[in-house]
Amino acid sequence: MRSACLVLCVVVVGCSGSPGPSDAGGQDAGLDAGVDAGTDAGLDAGVDAGIDAGLSDGGAPDAGSDAGVLDAGMDGGSVDAGVDAGNPLAFTITVPAFSVDAGTQTAFCYHFRTANAAEVAVKSWRSRSTASVHYLSLWLSNTALADAGTFTTTDCAQDPGKASWAYSAWEPDAGWSFPADDGAGHPLAKVIAPGTSGYLYLVVTNPTSGALDSSAELEVGLYPVDAGVTRADSLVAYNANLNIPASGSTTASATCPLPTSTKFTWLSVFTHKQGTRARVFDGATTLFDGNDWEHPGASTWAAPAFPAPTAGAQYACDYVNPTNRVIHTGASLELDEQCLMLSYVFPTSVPRLCVNSTLLP
């Protein structure tokens, strides 16, 4: 394995002050404020344990290789240093340089902690990576799952039972901004609490015959402290009961009930490679329709067109299973599947999670 040259490069910039809650849009209403902001509690025990497994055996094509792509001697440093008062409206999470072994596809997590002393309101996300990074997503938690500044390949997955989703990208250069108007003249924003822990989940691929030097970073744009934002936050729906027959096809669907007045501003669906199509409906209205699991894209809305589903959010994933075994819900890129609806909704002050058709309290 080629060793990775690691320099701790996470810079947290100007995270001070409060975003200043808006009195418009009832930002603290509609979604239950009693839900833990990290979605760490209340996850139904029926959720398939495979989502916690991270990289299960055989998760990479060359299962006989090292634990993936990373040097075991990686430096674990603090990620809450490097405040730059020259730019108070952004911070950047930079993954230290790493090398992807030839002929591999695998996943890992890079852990960090934000340095903000007060709440900050996120205006935009912008991720940049080398082409070897097939997929990147950001997950936030009240409790650190590993030391800041470290990589993990075990207990590492997109796990809505341990952390709350915040951002995903399927392209090397990607990003999006929250709408500047919630319909009442106030900007929408994701609010990040002081000293929040989290991780970047990266799926990396190297189809070549040589190792690839790789990198990834996420820039988080912020609103001024007096912006008067209306809070938006993530709503994730997860199908824990996938059962795709051997050498067969199926459609798995569930409906997430939504609190009254919930509006969407961003919406997509994540699957693995057996996924052939993913959709989200509000009754007879299609909110999202994607047929490329590697580049599903997203539906986005701005005022006054925010959809407010009245029949809940029905999410459905179609699969074709070319193998001679049944495929179930799980985290392994090669062995398992997922049907994971990712979205931002408002008004709310906390992330929410649906497991199958149950909106957790």
Protein backbone atom coordinates (compact mmCIF):
# COMPACT_ATOMS: atom_id res chain seq x y z
CA MET A 1 0.00 0.00 0.00
CA ARG A 2 1.22 3.46 -0.80
CA SER A 3 1.43 5.59 2.30
CA ALA A 4 -0.43 8.87 2.46
CA CYS A 5 1.31 12.15 3.20
CA LEU A 6 -0.87 13.81 5.80
CA VAL A 7 -0.97 17.44 6.78
CA LEU A 8 -3.81 18.55 9.03
CA CYS A 9 -5.51 21.13 6.84
CA VAL A 10 -8.86 21.86 8.45
CA VAL A 11 -9.42 25.58 8.81
CA VAL A 12 -12.43 26.91 10.67
CA VAL A 13 -12.87 30.55 9.83
CA GLY A 14 -14.62 33.28 11.78
CA CYS A 15 -17.22 31.19 13.55
CA SER A 16 -18.47 33.68 16.09
CA GLY A 17 -21.75 35.31 16.90
CA SER A 18 -25.33 34.13 16.64
CA PRO A 19 -27.31 33.88 13.41
CA GLY A 20 -30.17 35.83 14.89
CA PRO A 21 -33.43 33.87 14.64
CA SER A 22 -36.19 35.27 12.50
CA ASP A 23 -39.68 35.77 13.80
CA ALA A 24 -41.03 34.95 10.36
CA GLY A 25 -42.14 31.55 9.19
CA GLY A 26 -42.46 30.06 12.67
CA GLN A 27 -39.00 28.54 12.50
CA ASP A 28 -39.28 26.66 15.77
CA ALA A 29 -42.76 25.37 15.02
CA GLY A 30 -44.03 22.49 12.95
CA LEU A 31 -41.25 20.05 13.74
CA ASP A 32 -40.90 18.82 17.29
CA ALA A 33 -38.18 20.73 19.11
CA GLY A 34 -37.73 17.82 21.47
CA VAL A 35 -35.78 15.85 18.88
CA ASP A 36 -32.06 15.71 19.59
CA ALA A 37 -30.15 17.80 17.08
CA GLY A 38 -27.81 14.95 16.28
CA THR A 39 -30.63 12.44 15.81
CA ASP A 40 -28.64 10.27 18.19
CA ALA A 41 -31.62 9.12 20.19
CA GLY A 42 -34.81 7.34 19.39
CA LEU A 43 -33.67 5.32 16.40
CA ASP A 44 -35.89 2.31 16.28
CA ALA A 45 -34.08 -0.92 17.07
CA GLY A 46 -35.59 -2.41 13.97
CA VAL A 47 -33.20 -0.48 11.73
CA ASP A 48 -31.01 -2.99 9.96
CA ALA A 49 -27.71 -3.35 11.81
CA GLY A 50 -25.98 -3.27 8.46
CA ILE A 51 -26.12 0.52 8.42
CA ASP A 52 -23.78 0.55 11.41
CA ALA A 53 -21.34 -1.85 9.87
CA GLY A 54 -19.48 0.66 7.72
CA LEU A 55 -17.27 -1.39 5.44
CA SER A 56 -18.44 -4.95 5.77
CA ASP A 57 -16.34 -7.86 4.57
CA GLY A 58 -16.08 -7.84 0.84
CA GLY A 59 -17.04 -4.16 0.75
CA ALA A 60 -14.24 -3.40 -1.71
CA PRO A 61 -13.60 -5.27 -4.97
CA ASP A 62 -10.17 -6.32 -3.76
CA ALA A 63 -11.26 -7.65 -0.41
CA GLY A 64 -7.82 -9.05 0.27
CA SER A 65 -6.19 -5.63 0.36
CA ASP A 66 -5.52 -3.45 3.39
CA ALA A 67 -8.43 -1.80 5.17
CA GLY A 68 -8.96 0.37 2.16
CA VAL A 69 -6.89 3.19 0.85
CA LEU A 70 -5.39 4.88 3.85
CA ASP A 71 -2.16 4.80 5.80
CA ALA A 72 -2.70 3.33 9.26
CA GLY A 73 -0.31 5.84 10.79
CA MET A 74 -2.47 8.89 10.21
CA ASP A 75 -1.99 11.82 12.53
CA GLY A 76 -4.94 12.62 14.74
CA GLY A 77 -4.90 16.32 15.48
CA SER A 78 -7.35 18.90 16.69
CA VAL A 79 -9.56 20.36 14.03
CA ASP A 80 -10.79 23.32 16.02
CA ALA A 81 -7.79 25.56 15.36
CA GLY A 82 -6.82 28.05 12.66
CA VAL A 83 -9.46 30.75 13.03
CA ASP A 84 -8.92 33.48 10.43
CA ALA A 85 -10.60 36.73 11.39
CA GLY A 86 -10.02 38.02 7.85
CA ASN A 87 -12.99 36.04 6.52
CA PRO A 88 -15.78 35.76 9.06
CA LEU A 89 -18.27 34.37 6.56
CA ALA A 90 -16.81 30.95 5.69
CA PHE A 91 -14.97 27.95 7.04
CA THR A 92 -13.35 25.06 5.19
CA ILE A 93 -13.00 21.39 6.09
CA THR A 94 -9.98 20.07 4.19
CA VAL A 95 -9.29 16.34 4.14
CA PRO A 96 -5.53 15.66 4.41
CA ALA A 97 -3.99 14.27 1.23
CA PHE A 98 -4.53 10.54 0.75
CA SER A 99 -3.71 7.87 -1.81
CA VAL A 100 -6.21 5.47 -3.43
CA ASP A 101 -4.80 2.03 -4.23
CA ALA A 102 -5.01 0.69 -7.77
CA GLY A 103 -8.19 -1.17 -8.70
CA THR A 104 -10.10 -0.34 -5.52
CA GLN A 105 -13.44 1.09 -4.55
CA THR A 106 -14.07 1.68 -0.88
CA ALA A 107 -15.33 4.25 1.62
CA PHE A 108 -13.92 6.04 4.64
CA CYS A 109 -14.72 8.88 7.02
CA TYR A 110 -12.68 11.93 7.98
CA HIS A 111 -13.64 13.30 11.41
CA PHE A 112 -13.55 16.93 12.54
CA ARG A 113 -14.90 19.40 15.08
CA THR A 114 -16.00 22.96 14.32
CA ALA A 115 -14.41 25.86 16.22
CA ASN A 116 -17.37 28.22 16.41
CA ALA A 117 -18.00 29.65 19.87
CA ALA A 118 -21.62 30.50 19.01
CA GLU A 119 -24.22 29.31 16.54
CA VAL A 120 -23.51 30.00 12.87
CA ALA A 121 -26.03 30.08 10.00
CA VAL A 122 -24.99 28.24 6.83
CA LYS A 123 -25.64 30.08 3.57
CA SER A 124 -23.98 27.72 1.09
CA TRP A 125 -21.98 24.55 0.55
CA ARG A 126 -19.17 24.11 -2.01
CA SER A 127 -17.20 20.86 -2.29
CA ARG A 128 -14.13 20.22 -4.44
CA SER A 129 -12.29 16.94 -4.87
CA THR A 130 -10.18 14.91 -7.23
CA ALA A 131 -11.95 12.65 -9.71
CA SER A 132 -11.17 9.62 -7.53
CA VAL A 133 -13.80 10.83 -5.02
CA HIS A 134 -16.99 9.26 -6.35
CA TYR A 135 -19.27 10.58 -3.60
CA LEU A 136 -18.95 12.93 -0.62
CA SER A 137 -21.40 13.62 2.17
CA LEU A 138 -21.34 15.61 5.41
CA TRP A 139 -22.75 14.27 8.67
CA LEU A 140 -22.98 16.19 11.96
CA SER A 141 -23.35 14.94 15.52
CA ASN A 142 -23.49 16.19 19.09
CA THR A 143 -21.14 13.38 20.08
CA ALA A 144 -17.78 12.70 18.42
CA LEU A 145 -17.68 9.26 16.81
CA ALA A 146 -13.86 9.39 16.52
CA ASP A 147 -11.05 11.79 17.36
CA ALA A 148 -11.02 14.96 15.29
CA GLY A 149 -8.42 14.86 12.54
CA THR A 150 -8.55 11.09 12.07
CA PHE A 151 -9.72 8.71 9.35
CA THR A 152 -11.83 5.63 9.99
CA THR A 153 -12.89 2.75 7.77
CA THR A 154 -14.80 0.82 10.43
CA ASP A 155 -17.96 2.08 12.11
CA CYS A 156 -18.10 4.50 9.22
CA ALA A 157 -21.22 4.84 7.12
CA GLN A 158 -24.05 7.14 6.22
CA ASP A 159 -25.79 6.43 9.50
CA PRO A 160 -28.85 8.54 10.36
CA GLY A 161 -29.00 6.76 13.71
CA LYS A 162 -25.68 8.25 14.82
CA ALA A 163 -25.50 11.59 13.03
CA SER A 164 -27.59 13.98 10.96
CA TRP A 165 -27.02 14.43 7.25
CA ALA A 166 -26.13 17.93 6.04
CA TYR A 167 -24.73 17.81 2.47
CA SER A 168 -24.04 15.45 -0.44
CA ALA A 169 -22.14 15.76 -3.72
CA TRP A 170 -21.79 13.31 -6.60
CA GLU A 171 -19.47 15.50 -8.70
CA PRO A 172 -15.86 16.67 -8.13
CA ASP A 173 -16.97 20.33 -8.10
CA ALA A 174 -20.42 20.80 -6.63
CA GLY A 175 -22.45 22.94 -4.27
CA TRP A 176 -25.66 24.80 -3.64
CA SER A 177 -26.99 27.74 -1.66
CA PHE A 178 -30.01 28.06 0.58
CA PRO A 179 -32.72 30.32 -0.88
CA ALA A 180 -32.38 33.97 0.09
CA ASP A 181 -36.14 34.29 0.63
CA ASP A 182 -38.40 31.95 2.60
CA GLY A 183 -41.48 33.58 1.09
CA ALA A 184 -41.57 36.23 3.81
CA GLY A 185 -38.31 37.97 2.96
CA HIS A 186 -36.00 36.03 5.27
CA PRO A 187 -33.12 33.79 4.14
CA LEU A 188 -33.17 30.08 4.85
CA ALA A 189 -30.20 28.60 6.72
CA LYS A 190 -28.91 25.46 8.39
CA VAL A 191 -27.72 26.41 11.90
CA ILE A 192 -24.61 24.71 13.32
CA ALA A 193 -24.15 24.68 17.09
CA PRO A 194 -20.84 25.58 18.76
CA GLY A 195 -18.16 22.89 18.70
CA THR A 196 -20.14 20.48 16.53
CA SER A 197 -18.51 17.14 15.73
CA GLY A 198 -18.94 15.47 12.39
CA TYR A 199 -17.38 13.58 9.54
CA LEU A 200 -17.05 13.65 5.78
CA TYR A 201 -18.04 10.30 4.28
CA LEU A 202 -16.18 9.65 1.03
CA VAL A 203 -16.59 6.87 -1.52
CA VAL A 204 -13.39 6.62 -3.56
CA THR A 205 -12.68 4.69 -6.76
CA ASN A 206 -9.49 3.98 -8.66
CA PRO A 207 -9.99 1.89 -11.82
CA THR A 208 -6.39 2.42 -12.94
CA SER A 209 -3.30 0.24 -12.45
CA GLY A 210 -1.50 2.75 -10.25
CA ALA A 211 -2.18 4.57 -7.00
CA LEU A 212 -3.94 7.95 -7.24
CA ASP A 213 -3.07 10.92 -5.05
CA SER A 214 -6.38 12.37 -3.93
CA SER A 215 -7.92 15.25 -2.02
CA ALA A 216 -11.26 16.71 -0.95
CA GLU A 217 -12.53 19.82 0.80
CA LEU A 218 -15.82 21.41 1.76
CA GLU A 219 -16.25 25.16 2.06
CA VAL A 220 -19.15 26.30 4.23
CA GLY A 221 -20.43 29.81 3.51
CA LEU A 222 -22.09 31.69 6.37
CA TYR A 223 -24.63 34.47 6.78
CA PRO A 224 -23.78 37.57 8.82
CA VAL A 225 -24.83 37.29 12.45
CA ASP A 226 -27.67 39.77 11.96
CA ALA A 227 -29.17 38.08 8.88
CA GLY A 228 -32.42 37.12 10.65
CA VAL A 229 -32.63 33.65 9.14
CA THR A 230 -35.47 31.17 9.08
CA ARG A 231 -34.10 27.79 10.06
CA ALA A 232 -34.15 24.86 7.68
CA ASP A 233 -32.81 21.42 8.52
CA SER A 234 -32.46 17.93 7.17
CA LEU A 235 -35.23 15.39 6.79
CA VAL A 236 -33.83 11.93 6.04
CA ALA A 237 -36.03 8.92 5.23
CA TYR A 238 -34.46 5.47 5.34
CA ASN A 239 -35.86 2.15 4.15
CA ALA A 240 -34.50 -0.45 6.58
CA ASN A 241 -36.29 -3.45 5.02
CA LEU A 242 -34.84 -3.83 1.53
CA ASN A 243 -35.19 -7.36 0.19
CA ILE A 244 -34.09 -7.57 -3.45
CA PRO A 245 -34.52 -11.11 -4.81
CA ALA A 246 -31.63 -12.97 -6.43
CA SER A 247 -31.53 -12.51 -10.20
CA GLY A 248 -34.66 -10.40 -9.92
CA SER A 249 -36.04 -6.90 -9.60
CA THR A 250 -38.25 -5.05 -7.15
CA THR A 251 -39.49 -1.63 -6.07
CA ALA A 252 -39.20 -0.66 -2.42
CA SER A 253 -41.37 2.20 -1.22
CA ALA A 254 -42.45 3.84 2.01
CA THR A 255 -44.20 7.06 3.00
CA CYS A 256 -42.79 9.51 5.51
CA PRO A 257 -45.58 11.45 7.27
CA LEU A 258 -44.81 15.15 7.55
CA PRO A 259 -45.83 17.77 10.10
CA THR A 260 -48.33 20.33 8.85
CA SER A 261 -46.79 23.22 6.89
CA THR A 262 -43.51 21.41 6.12
CA LYS A 263 -41.95 22.75 2.91
CA PHE A 264 -39.10 21.31 0.83
CA THR A 265 -36.23 23.32 -0.59
CA TRP A 266 -33.76 20.53 -1.60
CA LEU A 267 -34.43 16.84 -2.30
CA SER A 268 -32.53 13.80 -3.62
CA VAL A 269 -32.28 10.02 -3.12
CA PHE A 270 -29.15 7.91 -2.55
CA THR A 271 -28.81 4.26 -3.63
CA HIS A 272 -26.01 1.85 -4.44
CA LYS A 273 -25.32 0.42 -7.91
CA GLN A 274 -28.30 -1.96 -8.06
CA GLY A 275 -30.59 1.08 -7.96
CA THR A 276 -32.05 1.85 -11.39
CA ARG A 277 -34.50 4.59 -10.48
CA ALA A 278 -35.46 6.65 -7.41
CA ARG A 279 -38.50 8.86 -6.95
CA VAL A 280 -40.29 10.97 -4.35
CA PHE A 281 -43.99 11.80 -4.63
CA ASP A 282 -46.58 13.96 -2.96
CA GLY A 283 -49.66 11.99 -3.92
CA ALA A 284 -49.78 12.16 -7.73
CA THR A 285 -47.15 14.92 -7.90
CA THR A 286 -43.56 13.89 -8.59
CA LEU A 287 -41.06 15.84 -6.50
CA PHE A 288 -37.92 13.95 -7.56
CA ASP A 289 -37.12 11.44 -10.30
CA GLY A 290 -33.60 10.12 -10.88
CA ASN A 291 -32.36 7.16 -12.93
CA ASP A 292 -28.58 7.42 -12.47
CA TRP A 293 -27.39 6.18 -9.08
CA GLU A 294 -23.92 7.67 -9.63
CA HIS A 295 -25.27 11.11 -10.53
CA PRO A 296 -28.84 11.34 -9.20
CA GLY A 297 -28.96 15.13 -9.06
CA ALA A 298 -31.44 16.98 -6.85
CA SER A 299 -34.69 18.89 -7.00
CA THR A 300 -34.45 22.42 -5.62
CA TRP A 301 -37.05 25.12 -5.02
CA ALA A 302 -37.16 28.80 -4.17
CA ALA A 303 -40.00 31.12 -3.14
CA PRO A 304 -42.83 31.06 -3.88
CA ALA A 305 -42.66 27.53 -5.33
CA PHE A 306 -41.70 25.54 -2.23
CA PRO A 307 -43.74 22.30 -2.27
CA ALA A 308 -45.64 21.54 0.93
CA PRO A 309 -46.73 17.88 0.67
CA THR A 310 -50.13 17.11 2.10
CA ALA A 311 -49.96 13.33 1.66
CA GLY A 312 -46.52 12.84 3.17
CA ALA A 313 -43.37 12.12 1.17
CA GLN A 314 -43.56 8.77 -0.61
CA TYR A 315 -40.05 7.63 -1.57
CA ALA A 316 -39.51 4.67 -3.90
CA CYS A 317 -36.41 2.94 -5.23
CA ASP A 318 -36.27 0.45 -8.13
CA TYR A 319 -33.61 -2.27 -8.17
CA VAL A 320 -32.24 -4.94 -10.48
CA ASN A 321 -30.21 -7.65 -8.76
CA PRO A 322 -27.81 -9.44 -11.14
CA THR A 323 -26.37 -11.67 -8.40
CA ASN A 324 -27.39 -15.11 -7.18
CA ARG A 325 -28.08 -13.91 -3.65
CA VAL A 326 -30.70 -11.74 -1.97
CA ILE A 327 -29.56 -8.16 -1.33
CA HIS A 328 -30.65 -6.39 1.84
CA THR A 329 -30.27 -2.96 3.43
CA GLY A 330 -26.72 -2.22 4.49
CA ALA A 331 -23.63 -0.07 4.12
CA SER A 332 -21.39 -2.25 1.94
CA LEU A 333 -20.93 -0.72 -1.48
CA GLU A 334 -20.68 -4.15 -3.10
CA LEU A 335 -22.94 -6.39 -1.02
CA ASP A 336 -25.82 -4.21 0.18
CA GLU A 337 -28.27 -1.56 -0.97
CA GLN A 338 -29.82 1.62 0.36
CA CYS A 339 -32.87 3.75 -0.32
CA LEU A 340 -32.08 6.98 1.46
CA MET A 341 -34.14 10.12 0.88
CA LEU A 342 -32.10 13.22 1.65
CA SER A 343 -33.80 16.59 1.95
CA TYR A 344 -33.92 20.04 3.51
CA VAL A 345 -37.23 21.25 4.90
CA PHE A 346 -38.53 24.23 6.84
CA PRO A 347 -39.68 25.61 9.20
CA THR A 348 -37.77 23.58 11.78
CA SER A 349 -34.89 23.91 14.21
CA VAL A 350 -33.84 20.24 14.33
CA PRO A 351 -33.06 17.38 11.93
CA ARG A 352 -35.75 14.73 11.52
CA LEU A 353 -35.57 11.05 10.60
CA CYS A 354 -38.07 8.64 9.08
CA VAL A 355 -37.40 4.91 9.37
CA ASN A 356 -39.51 3.14 6.77
CA SER A 357 -42.86 4.97 7.23
CA THR A 358 -42.38 6.16 10.80
CA LEU A 359 -41.34 9.73 11.59
CA LEU A 360 -39.34 9.43 14.78
CA PRO A 361 -40.26 11.82 17.62
